[in-house]
Amino acid sequence: MWDELLIEAGKRLGFMFFGYLVKEGLKRFFQHKRNNSGQLVHDIYGTDLLRVILKDHYLQSQEIIDIFGSEATCNLIVSGQQELTIGQIQKLSKRLLISPMAFYPL
């Protein structure tokens, strides 16, 4: 109901795109993911996602050192002490065959 009112208000004010953005924002804000037992599942992204992928696919951090340029940088990223850069995300997505958007929060 709120989303329809916001879109209508946006149309009347000539800001249809604004109404759309608000509607999509509300959807994301109130959208919760649940697992099979009904528990909330938190969104995983960035270095947390990388650690989960490494664990689930039985990969060692040594296998992706070439993406980060050095073993020290790789260790900092895998431990969560350093954030991923855009270039690193692009290289990881190509290597792991996943969308680069998976590394960003919703």
PDB file of N, CA and C in Angstrom:
ATOM      1  N   MET A   1       0.817  -1.183   0.000  1.00  0.00           N
ATOM      2  CA  MET A   1       0.000   0.000   0.000  1.00  0.00           C
ATOM      3  C   MET A   1       0.871   1.260   0.000  1.00  0.00           C
ATOM      4  N   TRP A   2       1.897   1.265   0.875  1.00  0.00           N
ATOM      5  CA  TRP A   2       2.778   2.428   0.929  1.00  0.00           C
ATOM      6  C   TRP A   2       3.487   2.653  -0.389  1.00  0.00           C
ATOM      7  N   ASP A   3       3.918   1.543  -0.991  1.00  0.00           N
ATOM      8  CA  ASP A   3       4.652   1.695  -2.235  1.00  0.00           C
ATOM      9  C   ASP A   3       3.774   2.293  -3.329  1.00  0.00           C
ATOM     10  N   GLU A   4       2.499   1.907  -3.362  1.00  0.00           N
ATOM     11  CA  GLU A   4       1.588   2.464  -4.363  1.00  0.00           C
ATOM     12  C   GLU A   4       1.354   3.953  -4.116  1.00  0.00           C
ATOM     13  N   LEU A   5       1.206   4.333  -2.849  1.00  0.00           N
ATOM     14  CA  LEU A   5       1.018   5.745  -2.522  1.00  0.00           C
ATOM     15  C   LEU A   5       2.243   6.568  -2.904  1.00  0.00           C
ATOM     16  N   LEU A   6       3.424   6.028  -2.641  1.00  0.00           N
ATOM     17  CA  LEU A   6       4.641   6.746  -2.981  1.00  0.00           C
ATOM     18  C   LEU A   6       4.802   6.907  -4.488  1.00  0.00           C
ATOM     19  N   ILE A   7       4.460   5.870  -5.239  1.00  0.00           N
ATOM     20  CA  ILE A   7       4.555   5.968  -6.691  1.00  0.00           C
ATOM     21  C   ILE A   7       3.546   6.990  -7.217  1.00  0.00           C
ATOM     22  N   GLU A   8       2.335   6.950  -6.681  1.00  0.00           N
ATOM     23  CA  GLU A   8       1.321   7.928  -7.103  1.00  0.00           C
ATOM     24  C   GLU A   8       1.773   9.351  -6.775  1.00  0.00           C
ATOM     25  N   ALA A   9       2.330   9.543  -5.594  1.00  0.00           N
ATOM     26  CA  ALA A   9       2.824  10.875  -5.225  1.00  0.00           C
ATOM     27  C   ALA A   9       3.962  11.286  -6.159  1.00  0.00           C
ATOM     28  N   GLY A  10       4.820  10.345  -6.501  1.00  0.00           N
ATOM     29  CA  GLY A  10       5.915  10.625  -7.420  1.00  0.00           C
ATOM     30  C   GLY A  10       5.412  11.004  -8.802  1.00  0.00           C
ATOM     31  N   LYS A  11       4.355  10.331  -9.270  1.00  0.00           N
ATOM     32  CA  LYS A  11       3.779  10.649 -10.580  1.00  0.00           C
ATOM     33  C   LYS A  11       3.202  12.061 -10.591  1.00  0.00           C
ATOM     34  N   ARG A  12       2.488  12.382  -9.533  1.00  0.00           N
ATOM     35  CA  ARG A  12       1.861  13.710  -9.470  1.00  0.00           C
ATOM     36  C   ARG A  12       2.895  14.815  -9.406  1.00  0.00           C
ATOM     37  N   LEU A  13       4.001  14.530  -8.777  1.00  0.00           N
ATOM     38  CA  LEU A  13       5.058  15.529  -8.677  1.00  0.00           C
ATOM     39  C   LEU A  13       6.012  15.480  -9.875  1.00  0.00           C
ATOM     40  N   GLY A  14       5.781  14.524 -10.759  1.00  0.00           N
ATOM     41  CA  GLY A  14       6.645  14.397 -11.924  1.00  0.00           C
ATOM     42  C   GLY A  14       7.940  13.658 -11.636  1.00  0.00           C
ATOM     43  N   PHE A  15       7.990  12.960 -10.537  1.00  0.00           N
ATOM     44  CA  PHE A  15       9.195  12.215 -10.162  1.00  0.00           C
ATOM     45  C   PHE A  15       8.902  10.719 -10.134  1.00  0.00           C
ATOM     46  N   MET A  16       8.457  10.177 -11.260  1.00  0.00           N
ATOM     47  CA  MET A  16       8.106   8.759 -11.290  1.00  0.00           C
ATOM     48  C   MET A  16       9.319   7.898 -10.920  1.00  0.00           C
ATOM     49  N   PHE A  17      10.476   8.280 -11.386  1.00  0.00           N
ATOM     50  CA  PHE A  17      11.673   7.510 -11.083  1.00  0.00           C
ATOM     51  C   PHE A  17      11.951   7.512  -9.585  1.00  0.00           C
ATOM     52  N   PHE A  18      11.734   8.640  -8.932  1.00  0.00           N
ATOM     53  CA  PHE A  18      11.921   8.734  -7.486  1.00  0.00           C
ATOM     54  C   PHE A  18      10.990   7.763  -6.773  1.00  0.00           C
ATOM     55  N   GLY A  19       9.737   7.717  -7.192  1.00  0.00           N
ATOM     56  CA  GLY A  19       8.780   6.777  -6.599  1.00  0.00           C
ATOM     57  C   GLY A  19       9.217   5.337  -6.770  1.00  0.00           C
ATOM     58  N   TYR A  20       9.751   5.028  -7.939  1.00  0.00           N
ATOM     59  CA  TYR A  20      10.252   3.682  -8.202  1.00  0.00           C
ATOM     60  C   TYR A  20      11.409   3.346  -7.267  1.00  0.00           C
ATOM     61  N   LEU A  21      12.340   4.294  -7.113  1.00  0.00           N
ATOM     62  CA  LEU A  21      13.478   4.059  -6.226  1.00  0.00           C
ATOM     63  C   LEU A  21      13.031   3.818  -4.787  1.00  0.00           C
ATOM     64  N   VAL A  22      12.071   4.593  -4.334  1.00  0.00           N
ATOM     65  CA  VAL A  22      11.567   4.430  -2.972  1.00  0.00           C
ATOM     66  C   VAL A  22      10.909   3.073  -2.826  1.00  0.00           C
ATOM     67  N   LYS A  23      10.126   2.670  -3.819  1.00  0.00           N
ATOM     68  CA  LYS A  23       9.449   1.367  -3.769  1.00  0.00           C
ATOM     69  C   LYS A  23      10.467   0.234  -3.695  1.00  0.00           C
ATOM     70  N   GLU A  24      11.489   0.286  -4.543  1.00  0.00           N
ATOM     71  CA  GLU A  24      12.510  -0.755  -4.534  1.00  0.00           C
ATOM     72  C   GLU A  24      13.290  -0.754  -3.220  1.00  0.00           C
ATOM     73  N   GLY A  25      13.542   0.434  -2.693  1.00  0.00           N
ATOM     74  CA  GLY A  25      14.231   0.524  -1.414  1.00  0.00           C
ATOM     75  C   GLY A  25      13.425  -0.099  -0.295  1.00  0.00           C
ATOM     76  N   LEU A  26      12.124   0.143  -0.299  1.00  0.00           N
ATOM     77  CA  LEU A  26      11.251  -0.452   0.711  1.00  0.00           C
ATOM     78  C   LEU A  26      11.219  -1.968   0.581  1.00  0.00           C
ATOM     79  N   LYS A  27      11.180  -2.452  -0.649  1.00  0.00           N
ATOM     80  CA  LYS A  27      11.184  -3.904  -0.865  1.00  0.00           C
ATOM     81  C   LYS A  27      12.435  -4.531  -0.257  1.00  0.00           C
ATOM     82  N   ARG A  28      13.577  -3.926  -0.521  1.00  0.00           N
ATOM     83  CA  ARG A  28      14.833  -4.478  -0.013  1.00  0.00           C
ATOM     84  C   ARG A  28      14.915  -4.375   1.507  1.00  0.00           C
ATOM     85  N   PHE A  29      14.397  -3.274   2.042  1.00  0.00           N
ATOM     86  CA  PHE A  29      14.458  -3.076   3.489  1.00  0.00           C
ATOM     87  C   PHE A  29      13.623  -4.113   4.226  1.00  0.00           C
ATOM     88  N   PHE A  30      12.451  -4.432   3.688  1.00  0.00           N
ATOM     89  CA  PHE A  30      11.550  -5.345   4.378  1.00  0.00           C
ATOM     90  C   PHE A  30      11.673  -6.780   3.897  1.00  0.00           C
ATOM     91  N   GLN A  31      12.522  -7.023   2.935  1.00  0.00           N
ATOM     92  CA  GLN A  31      12.700  -8.376   2.423  1.00  0.00           C
ATOM     93  C   GLN A  31      13.718  -9.109   3.290  1.00  0.00           C
ATOM     94  N   HIS A  32      13.308 -10.217   3.860  1.00  0.00           N
ATOM     95  CA  HIS A  32      14.199 -11.011   4.699  1.00  0.00           C
ATOM     96  C   HIS A  32      14.321 -12.400   4.093  1.00  0.00           C
ATOM     97  N   LYS A  33      15.497 -12.924   4.095  1.00  0.00           N
ATOM     98  CA  LYS A  33      15.728 -14.273   3.596  1.00  0.00           C
ATOM     99  C   LYS A  33      15.658 -15.241   4.762  1.00  0.00           C
ATOM    100  N   ARG A  34      15.023 -16.365   4.538  1.00  0.00           N
ATOM    101  CA  ARG A  34      14.901 -17.389   5.575  1.00  0.00           C
ATOM    102  C   ARG A  34      15.386 -18.719   5.017  1.00  0.00           C
ATOM    103  N   ASN A  35      15.989 -19.520   5.890  1.00  0.00           N
ATOM    104  CA  ASN A  35      16.422 -20.841   5.462  1.00  0.00           C
ATOM    105  C   ASN A  35      15.259 -21.821   5.622  1.00  0.00           C
ATOM    106  N   ASN A  36      15.518 -23.100   5.391  1.00  0.00           N
ATOM    107  CA  ASN A  36      14.448 -24.108   5.427  1.00  0.00           C
ATOM    108  C   ASN A  36      13.783 -24.233   6.797  1.00  0.00           C
ATOM    109  N   SER A  37      14.485 -23.915   7.862  1.00  0.00           N
ATOM    110  CA  SER A  37      13.899 -24.030   9.200  1.00  0.00           C
ATOM    111  C   SER A  37      13.267 -22.711   9.663  1.00  0.00           C
ATOM    112  N   GLY A  38      13.186 -21.727   8.766  1.00  0.00           N
ATOM    113  CA  GLY A  38      12.515 -20.477   9.094  1.00  0.00           C
ATOM    114  C   GLY A  38      13.380 -19.443   9.784  1.00  0.00           C
ATOM    115  N   GLN A  39      14.662 -19.713   9.951  1.00  0.00           N
ATOM    116  CA  GLN A  39      15.550 -18.752  10.610  1.00  0.00           C
ATOM    117  C   GLN A  39      16.026 -17.722   9.592  1.00  0.00           C
ATOM    118  N   LEU A  40      16.224 -16.495  10.062  1.00  0.00           N
ATOM    119  CA  LEU A  40      16.707 -15.442   9.178  1.00  0.00           C
ATOM    120  C   LEU A  40      18.128 -15.742   8.723  1.00  0.00           C
ATOM    121  N   VAL A  41      18.397 -15.508   7.448  1.00  0.00           N
ATOM    122  CA  VAL A  41      19.718 -15.693   6.874  1.00  0.00           C
ATOM    123  C   VAL A  41      20.276 -14.309   6.583  1.00  0.00           C
ATOM    124  N   HIS A  42      21.430 -13.998   7.117  1.00  0.00           N
ATOM    125  CA  HIS A  42      22.030 -12.693   6.909  1.00  0.00           C
ATOM    126  C   HIS A  42      22.718 -12.633   5.554  1.00  0.00           C
ATOM    127  N   ASP A  43      22.721 -11.460   4.980  1.00  0.00           N
ATOM    128  CA  ASP A  43      23.375 -11.240   3.701  1.00  0.00           C
ATOM    129  C   ASP A  43      24.888 -11.323   3.890  1.00  0.00           C
ATOM    130  N   ILE A  44      25.545 -12.123   3.071  1.00  0.00           N
ATOM    131  CA  ILE A  44      26.990 -12.286   3.165  1.00  0.00           C
ATOM    132  C   ILE A  44      27.600 -11.670   1.910  1.00  0.00           C
ATOM    133  N   TYR A  45      28.606 -10.836   2.090  1.00  0.00           N
ATOM    134  CA  TYR A  45      29.258 -10.198   0.953  1.00  0.00           C
ATOM    135  C   TYR A  45      30.704  -9.869   1.319  1.00  0.00           C
ATOM    136  N   GLY A  46      31.450  -9.404   0.333  1.00  0.00           N
ATOM    137  CA  GLY A  46      32.834  -8.981   0.561  1.00  0.00           C
ATOM    138  C   GLY A  46      33.743 -10.105   1.025  1.00  0.00           C
ATOM    139  N   THR A  47      34.575  -9.788   1.994  1.00  0.00           N
ATOM    140  CA  THR A  47      35.549 -10.768   2.479  1.00  0.00           C
ATOM    141  C   THR A  47      34.869 -11.938   3.191  1.00  0.00           C
ATOM    142  N   ASP A  48      33.701 -11.690   3.796  1.00  0.00           N
ATOM    143  CA  ASP A  48      32.964 -12.796   4.424  1.00  0.00           C
ATOM    144  C   ASP A  48      32.536 -13.805   3.371  1.00  0.00           C
ATOM    145  N   LEU A  49      32.049 -13.320   2.241  1.00  0.00           N
ATOM    146  CA  LEU A  49      31.654 -14.206   1.144  1.00  0.00           C
ATOM    147  C   LEU A  49      32.857 -14.980   0.628  1.00  0.00           C
ATOM    148  N   LEU A  50      33.979 -14.306   0.487  1.00  0.00           N
ATOM    149  CA  LEU A  50      35.191 -14.973   0.014  1.00  0.00           C
ATOM    150  C   LEU A  50      35.580 -16.115   0.946  1.00  0.00           C
ATOM    151  N   ARG A  51      35.538 -15.889   2.240  1.00  0.00           N
ATOM    152  CA  ARG A  51      35.877 -16.959   3.206  1.00  0.00           C
ATOM    153  C   ARG A  51      34.907 -18.132   3.096  1.00  0.00           C
ATOM    154  N   VAL A  52      33.625 -17.851   2.913  1.00  0.00           N
ATOM    155  CA  VAL A  52      32.636 -18.926   2.777  1.00  0.00           C
ATOM    156  C   VAL A  52      32.894 -19.732   1.511  1.00  0.00           C
ATOM    157  N   ILE A  53      33.188 -19.039   0.417  1.00  0.00           N
ATOM    158  CA  ILE A  53      33.466 -19.738  -0.846  1.00  0.00           C
ATOM    159  C   ILE A  53      34.713 -20.604  -0.717  1.00  0.00           C
ATOM    160  N   LEU A  54      35.757 -20.062  -0.119  1.00  0.00           N
ATOM    161  CA  LEU A  54      36.987 -20.847   0.053  1.00  0.00           C
ATOM    162  C   LEU A  54      36.716 -22.104   0.879  1.00  0.00           C
ATOM    163  N   LYS A  55      35.952 -21.946   1.948  1.00  0.00           N
ATOM    164  CA  LYS A  55      35.656 -23.090   2.824  1.00  0.00           C
ATOM    165  C   LYS A  55      34.781 -24.112   2.106  1.00  0.00           C
ATOM    166  N   ASP A  56      33.715 -23.648   1.459  1.00  0.00           N
ATOM    167  CA  ASP A  56      32.772 -24.563   0.807  1.00  0.00           C
ATOM    168  C   ASP A  56      33.376 -25.320  -0.365  1.00  0.00           C
ATOM    169  N   HIS A  57      34.360 -24.720  -1.025  1.00  0.00           N
ATOM    170  CA  HIS A  57      34.971 -25.361  -2.190  1.00  0.00           C
ATOM    171  C   HIS A  57      36.351 -25.942  -1.884  1.00  0.00           C
ATOM    172  N   TYR A  58      36.657 -26.040  -0.599  1.00  0.00           N
ATOM    173  CA  TYR A  58      37.916 -26.636  -0.142  1.00  0.00           C
ATOM    174  C   TYR A  58      39.124 -26.005  -0.836  1.00  0.00           C
ATOM    175  N   LEU A  59      39.099 -24.675  -0.945  1.00  0.00           N
ATOM    176  CA  LEU A  59      40.215 -23.950  -1.537  1.00  0.00           C
ATOM    177  C   LEU A  59      41.088 -23.371  -0.446  1.00  0.00           C
ATOM    178  N   GLN A  60      42.363 -23.271  -0.716  1.00  0.00           N
ATOM    179  CA  GLN A  60      43.315 -22.640   0.196  1.00  0.00           C
ATOM    180  C   GLN A  60      43.612 -21.240  -0.316  1.00  0.00           C
ATOM    181  N   SER A  61      43.946 -20.352   0.591  1.00  0.00           N
ATOM    182  CA  SER A  61      44.248 -18.982   0.185  1.00  0.00           C
ATOM    183  C   SER A  61      45.455 -18.938  -0.759  1.00  0.00           C
ATOM    184  N   GLN A  62      46.344 -19.918  -0.689  1.00  0.00           N
ATOM    185  CA  GLN A  62      47.500 -19.959  -1.574  1.00  0.00           C
ATOM    186  C   GLN A  62      47.093 -20.113  -3.042  1.00  0.00           C
ATOM    187  N   GLU A  63      45.899 -20.642  -3.270  1.00  0.00           N
ATOM    188  CA  GLU A  63      45.444 -20.873  -4.635  1.00  0.00           C
ATOM    189  C   GLU A  63      44.939 -19.595  -5.316  1.00  0.00           C
ATOM    190  N   ILE A  64      44.753 -18.522  -4.551  1.00  0.00           N
ATOM    191  CA  ILE A  64      44.258 -17.279  -5.145  1.00  0.00           C
ATOM    192  C   ILE A  64      45.213 -16.107  -4.922  1.00  0.00           C
ATOM    193  N   ILE A  65      46.447 -16.393  -4.545  1.00  0.00           N
ATOM    194  CA  ILE A  65      47.434 -15.332  -4.299  1.00  0.00           C
ATOM    195  C   ILE A  65      47.639 -14.467  -5.541  1.00  0.00           C
ATOM    196  N   ASP A  66      47.624 -15.087  -6.731  1.00  0.00           N
ATOM    197  CA  ASP A  66      47.871 -14.325  -7.955  1.00  0.00           C
ATOM    198  C   ASP A  66      46.830 -13.226  -8.183  1.00  0.00           C
ATOM    199  N   ILE A  67      45.646 -13.368  -7.643  1.00  0.00           N
ATOM    200  CA  ILE A  67      44.610 -12.351  -7.773  1.00  0.00           C
ATOM    201  C   ILE A  67      44.969 -11.105  -6.962  1.00  0.00           C
ATOM    202  N   PHE A  68      45.585 -11.301  -5.826  1.00  0.00           N
ATOM    203  CA  PHE A  68      45.874 -10.201  -4.905  1.00  0.00           C
ATOM    204  C   PHE A  68      47.283  -9.631  -5.040  1.00  0.00           C
ATOM    205  N   GLY A  69      48.148 -10.305  -5.778  1.00  0.00           N
ATOM    206  CA  GLY A  69      49.479  -9.782  -6.025  1.00  0.00           C
ATOM    207  C   GLY A  69      50.540 -10.247  -5.056  1.00  0.00           C
ATOM    208  N   SER A  70      50.179 -10.474  -3.809  1.00  0.00           N
ATOM    209  CA  SER A  70      51.165 -10.959  -2.840  1.00  0.00           C
ATOM    210  C   SER A  70      50.471 -11.803  -1.781  1.00  0.00           C
ATOM    211  N   GLU A  71      51.252 -12.638  -1.139  1.00  0.00           N
ATOM    212  CA  GLU A  71      50.716 -13.504  -0.086  1.00  0.00           C
ATOM    213  C   GLU A  71      50.244 -12.678   1.112  1.00  0.00           C
ATOM    214  N   ALA A  72      50.961 -11.596   1.414  1.00  0.00           N
ATOM    215  CA  ALA A  72      50.590 -10.745   2.552  1.00  0.00           C
ATOM    216  C   ALA A  72      49.221 -10.097   2.325  1.00  0.00           C
ATOM    217  N   THR A  73      49.000  -9.567   1.127  1.00  0.00           N
ATOM    218  CA  THR A  73      47.706  -8.953   0.806  1.00  0.00           C
ATOM    219  C   THR A  73      46.603  -9.991   0.843  1.00  0.00           C
ATOM    220  N   CYS A  74      46.881 -11.163   0.296  1.00  0.00           N
ATOM    221  CA  CYS A  74      45.905 -12.253   0.295  1.00  0.00           C
ATOM    222  C   CYS A  74      45.510 -12.618   1.721  1.00  0.00           C
ATOM    223  N   ASN A  75      46.484 -12.747   2.601  1.00  0.00           N
ATOM    224  CA  ASN A  75      46.205 -13.101   3.999  1.00  0.00           C
ATOM    225  C   ASN A  75      45.400 -12.018   4.708  1.00  0.00           C
ATOM    226  N   LEU A  76      45.717 -10.750   4.417  1.00  0.00           N
ATOM    227  CA  LEU A  76      44.960  -9.655   5.032  1.00  0.00           C
ATOM    228  C   LEU A  76      43.502  -9.665   4.584  1.00  0.00           C
ATOM    229  N   ILE A  77      43.277  -9.934   3.310  1.00  0.00           N
ATOM    230  CA  ILE A  77      41.906  -9.951   2.791  1.00  0.00           C
ATOM    231  C   ILE A  77      41.136 -11.147   3.325  1.00  0.00           C
ATOM    232  N   VAL A  78      41.750 -12.316   3.277  1.00  0.00           N
ATOM    233  CA  VAL A  78      41.059 -13.528   3.748  1.00  0.00           C
ATOM    234  C   VAL A  78      40.756 -13.435   5.245  1.00  0.00           C
ATOM    235  N   SER A  79      41.615 -12.772   5.997  1.00  0.00           N
ATOM    236  CA  SER A  79      41.365 -12.636   7.438  1.00  0.00           C
ATOM    237  C   SER A  79      40.358 -11.521   7.748  1.00  0.00           C
ATOM    238  N   GLY A  80      39.995 -10.734   6.736  1.00  0.00           N
ATOM    239  CA  GLY A  80      39.017  -9.673   6.941  1.00  0.00           C
ATOM    240  C   GLY A  80      39.613  -8.361   7.415  1.00  0.00           C
ATOM    241  N   GLN A  81      40.930  -8.245   7.424  1.00  0.00           N
ATOM    242  CA  GLN A  81      41.594  -7.026   7.886  1.00  0.00           C
ATOM    243  C   GLN A  81      41.695  -5.976   6.789  1.00  0.00           C
ATOM    244  N   GLN A  82      41.476  -6.385   5.551  1.00  0.00           N
ATOM    245  CA  GLN A  82      41.529  -5.465   4.416  1.00  0.00           C
ATOM    246  C   GLN A  82      40.350  -5.768   3.506  1.00  0.00           C
ATOM    247  N   GLU A  83      39.745  -4.718   2.947  1.00  0.00           N
ATOM    248  CA  GLU A  83      38.602  -4.892   2.051  1.00  0.00           C
ATOM    249  C   GLU A  83      39.071  -5.197   0.632  1.00  0.00           C
ATOM    250  N   LEU A  84      38.175  -5.791  -0.135  1.00  0.00           N
ATOM    251  CA  LEU A  84      38.456  -6.089  -1.531  1.00  0.00           C
ATOM    252  C   LEU A  84      38.379  -4.816  -2.374  1.00  0.00           C
ATOM    253  N   THR A  85      39.236  -4.720  -3.384  1.00  0.00           N
ATOM    254  CA  THR A  85      39.154  -3.609  -4.324  1.00  0.00           C
ATOM    255  C   THR A  85      38.288  -4.031  -5.508  1.00  0.00           C
ATOM    256  N   ILE A  86      37.911  -3.074  -6.326  1.00  0.00           N
ATOM    257  CA  ILE A  86      37.077  -3.378  -7.490  1.00  0.00           C
ATOM    258  C   ILE A  86      37.806  -4.332  -8.431  1.00  0.00           C
ATOM    259  N   GLY A  87      39.100  -4.092  -8.662  1.00  0.00           N
ATOM    260  CA  GLY A  87      39.875  -4.974  -9.528  1.00  0.00           C
ATOM    261  C   GLY A  87      39.964  -6.396  -8.998  1.00  0.00           C
ATOM    262  N   GLN A  88      40.148  -6.523  -7.697  1.00  0.00           N
ATOM    263  CA  GLN A  88      40.210  -7.854  -7.079  1.00  0.00           C
ATOM    264  C   GLN A  88      38.867  -8.563  -7.189  1.00  0.00           C
ATOM    265  N   ILE A  89      37.791  -7.813  -7.022  1.00  0.00           N
ATOM    266  CA  ILE A  89      36.451  -8.402  -7.146  1.00  0.00           C
ATOM    267  C   ILE A  89      36.233  -8.902  -8.568  1.00  0.00           C
ATOM    268  N   GLN A  90      36.662  -8.132  -9.561  1.00  0.00           N
ATOM    269  CA  GLN A  90      36.509  -8.556 -10.951  1.00  0.00           C
ATOM    270  C   GLN A  90      37.307  -9.831 -11.226  1.00  0.00           C
ATOM    271  N   LYS A  91      38.533  -9.889 -10.730  1.00  0.00           N
ATOM    272  CA  LYS A  91      39.359 -11.087 -10.934  1.00  0.00           C
ATOM    273  C   LYS A  91      38.766 -12.295 -10.218  1.00  0.00           C
ATOM    274  N   LEU A  92      38.287 -12.084  -8.983  1.00  0.00           N
ATOM    275  CA  LEU A  92      37.671 -13.191  -8.236  1.00  0.00           C
ATOM    276  C   LEU A  92      36.423 -13.708  -8.936  1.00  0.00           C
ATOM    277  N   SER A  93      35.607 -12.798  -9.443  1.00  0.00           N
ATOM    278  CA  SER A  93      34.372 -13.231 -10.095  1.00  0.00           C
ATOM    279  C   SER A  93      34.673 -14.055 -11.344  1.00  0.00           C
ATOM    280  N   LYS A  94      35.727 -13.686 -12.080  1.00  0.00           N
ATOM    281  CA  LYS A  94      36.111 -14.477 -13.257  1.00  0.00           C
ATOM    282  C   LYS A  94      36.644 -15.845 -12.847  1.00  0.00           C
ATOM    283  N   ARG A  95      37.471 -15.887 -11.809  1.00  0.00           N
ATOM    284  CA  ARG A  95      38.057 -17.149 -11.356  1.00  0.00           C
ATOM    285  C   ARG A  95      37.004 -18.078 -10.758  1.00  0.00           C
ATOM    286  N   LEU A  96      36.104 -17.511  -9.955  1.00  0.00           N
ATOM    287  CA  LEU A  96      35.127 -18.326  -9.239  1.00  0.00           C
ATOM    288  C   LEU A  96      33.813 -18.496 -10.006  1.00  0.00           C
ATOM    289  N   LEU A  97      33.714 -17.843 -11.155  1.00  0.00           N
ATOM    290  CA  LEU A  97      32.526 -17.921 -12.016  1.00  0.00           C
ATOM    291  C   LEU A  97      31.253 -17.475 -11.299  1.00  0.00           C
ATOM    292  N   ILE A  98      31.348 -16.335 -10.617  1.00  0.00           N
ATOM    293  CA  ILE A  98      30.168 -15.747  -9.980  1.00  0.00           C
ATOM    294  C   ILE A  98      30.101 -14.268 -10.356  1.00  0.00           C
ATOM    295  N   SER A  99      28.960 -13.689 -10.177  1.00  0.00           N
ATOM    296  CA  SER A  99      28.768 -12.269 -10.493  1.00  0.00           C
ATOM    297  C   SER A  99      29.567 -11.395  -9.545  1.00  0.00           C
ATOM    298  N   PRO A 100      30.167 -10.331 -10.051  1.00  0.00           N
ATOM    299  CA  PRO A 100      30.863  -9.391  -9.154  1.00  0.00           C
ATOM    300  C   PRO A 100      29.906  -8.759  -8.144  1.00  0.00           C
ATOM    301  N   MET A 101      28.630  -8.664  -8.477  1.00  0.00           N
ATOM    302  CA  MET A 101      27.643  -8.063  -7.572  1.00  0.00           C
ATOM    303  C   MET A 101      27.474  -8.880  -6.292  1.00  0.00           C
ATOM    304  N   ALA A 102      27.867 -10.142  -6.307  1.00  0.00           N
ATOM    305  CA  ALA A 102      27.752 -10.971  -5.108  1.00  0.00           C
ATOM    306  C   ALA A 102      28.635 -10.452  -3.981  1.00  0.00           C
ATOM    307  N   PHE A 103      29.678  -9.712  -4.332  1.00  0.00           N
ATOM    308  CA  PHE A 103      30.616  -9.204  -3.324  1.00  0.00           C
ATOM    309  C   PHE A 103      30.190  -7.880  -2.709  1.00  0.00           C
ATOM    310  N   TYR A 104      29.078  -7.326  -3.201  1.00  0.00           N
ATOM    311  CA  TYR A 104      28.579  -6.048  -2.681  1.00  0.00           C
ATOM    312  C   TYR A 104      27.314  -6.273  -1.863  1.00  0.00           C
ATOM    313  N   PRO A 105      27.068  -5.448  -0.851  1.00  0.00           N
ATOM    314  CA  PRO A 105      25.829  -5.587  -0.073  1.00  0.00           C
ATOM    315  C   PRO A 105      24.624  -5.217  -0.922  1.00  0.00           C
ATOM    316  N   LEU A 106      23.475  -5.763  -0.552  1.00  0.00           N
ATOM    317  CA  LEU A 106      22.248  -5.429  -1.288  1.00  0.00           C
ATOM    318  C   LEU A 106      21.890  -4.006  -1.159  1.00  0.00           C
TER     319      LEU A 106
END
